[in-house]
């Protein structure tokens, strides 16, 4: 790193760290939402299979 670029390096690092946190949050939300939707579909099949006909 060239001398005098400490401030630029810190800003870039903070920006990349922020992006990484955003990606991890998005992955968590997508995985949670997918599992919640799959659970809801499973529940619909379960209720439909055990409904009185």
C-alpha atoms as a PDB file:
ATOM      1  CA  UNK A   1       0.000   0.000   0.000  1.00  0.00           C
ATOM      2  CA  UNK A   2       1.497   3.374  -0.955  1.00  0.00           C
ATOM      3  CA  UNK A   3       2.166   5.814   1.866  1.00  0.00           C
ATOM      4  CA  UNK A   4      -0.636   8.285   2.515  1.00  0.00           C
ATOM      5  CA  UNK A   5      -3.409   5.989   1.251  1.00  0.00           C
ATOM      6  CA  UNK A   6      -4.511   4.790   4.690  1.00  0.00           C
ATOM      7  CA  UNK A   7      -7.770   6.741   4.528  1.00  0.00           C
ATOM      8  CA  UNK A   8      -8.648   5.394   1.074  1.00  0.00           C
ATOM      9  CA  UNK A   9      -7.830   1.855   2.194  1.00  0.00           C
ATOM     10  CA  UNK A  10     -10.028   2.187   5.285  1.00  0.00           C
ATOM     11  CA  UNK A  11     -12.965   3.511   3.249  1.00  0.00           C
ATOM     12  CA  UNK A  12     -12.640   0.685   0.735  1.00  0.00           C
ATOM     13  CA  UNK A  13     -12.382  -1.923   3.486  1.00  0.00           C
ATOM     14  CA  UNK A  14     -15.432  -0.520   5.291  1.00  0.00           C
ATOM     15  CA  UNK A  15     -17.378  -0.487   2.034  1.00  0.00           C
ATOM     16  CA  UNK A  16     -16.478  -4.111   1.256  1.00  0.00           C
ATOM     17  CA  UNK A  17     -17.299  -5.164   4.809  1.00  0.00           C
ATOM     18  CA  UNK A  18     -20.703  -3.482   4.518  1.00  0.00           C
ATOM     19  CA  UNK A  19     -21.386  -5.249   1.208  1.00  0.00           C
ATOM     20  CA  UNK A  20     -20.390  -8.596   2.705  1.00  0.00           C
ATOM     21  CA  UNK A  21     -22.785  -8.100   5.609  1.00  0.00           C
ATOM     22  CA  UNK A  22     -25.535  -7.187   3.157  1.00  0.00           C
ATOM     23  CA  UNK A  23     -24.954 -10.346   1.138  1.00  0.00           C
ATOM     24  CA  UNK A  24     -24.984 -12.523   4.254  1.00  0.00           C
ATOM     25  CA  UNK A  25     -28.231 -10.921   5.430  1.00  0.00           C
ATOM     26  CA  UNK A  26     -29.822 -11.418   2.010  1.00  0.00           C
ATOM     27  CA  UNK A  27     -28.761 -15.087   1.922  1.00  0.00           C
ATOM     28  CA  UNK A  28     -30.203 -15.621   5.411  1.00  0.00           C
ATOM     29  CA  UNK A  29     -33.511 -13.997   4.435  1.00  0.00           C
ATOM     30  CA  UNK A  30     -33.762 -15.979   1.186  1.00  0.00           C
ATOM     31  CA  UNK A  31     -32.996 -19.289   2.914  1.00  0.00           C
ATOM     32  CA  UNK A  32     -35.486 -18.557   5.703  1.00  0.00           C
ATOM     33  CA  UNK A  33     -38.204 -17.490   3.241  1.00  0.00           C
ATOM     34  CA  UNK A  34     -37.641 -20.563   1.071  1.00  0.00           C
ATOM     35  CA  UNK A  35     -37.905 -22.894   4.051  1.00  0.00           C
ATOM     36  CA  UNK A  36     -41.013 -21.096   5.319  1.00  0.00           C
ATOM     37  CA  UNK A  37     -42.667 -21.428   1.899  1.00  0.00           C
ATOM     38  CA  UNK A  38     -41.695 -25.118   1.667  1.00  0.00           C
ATOM     39  CA  UNK A  39     -43.127 -25.709   5.145  1.00  0.00           C
ATOM     40  CA  UNK A  40     -46.373 -24.022   4.141  1.00  0.00           C
ATOM     41  CA  UNK A  41     -46.667 -26.188   1.015  1.00  0.00           C
ATOM     42  CA  UNK A  42     -45.916 -29.295   3.100  1.00  0.00           C
ATOM     43  CA  UNK A  43     -48.646 -28.234   5.552  1.00  0.00           C
ATOM     44  CA  UNK A  44     -51.134 -27.847   2.687  1.00  0.00           C
ATOM     45  CA  UNK A  45     -50.372 -31.371   1.451  1.00  0.00           C
ATOM     46  CA  UNK A  46     -50.654 -32.754   4.994  1.00  0.00           C
ATOM     47  CA  UNK A  47     -54.018 -31.086   5.626  1.00  0.00           C
ATOM     48  CA  UNK A  48     -55.308 -32.117   2.213  1.00  0.00           C
ATOM     49  CA  UNK A  49     -54.275 -35.729   2.733  1.00  0.00           C
ATOM     50  CA  UNK A  50     -55.934 -35.955   6.157  1.00  0.00           C
ATOM     51  CA  UNK A  51     -59.120 -34.061   5.301  1.00  0.00           C
ATOM     52  CA  UNK A  52     -62.377 -35.937   5.718  1.00  0.00           C
ATOM     53  CA  UNK A  53     -63.680 -36.876   2.340  1.00  0.00           C
END
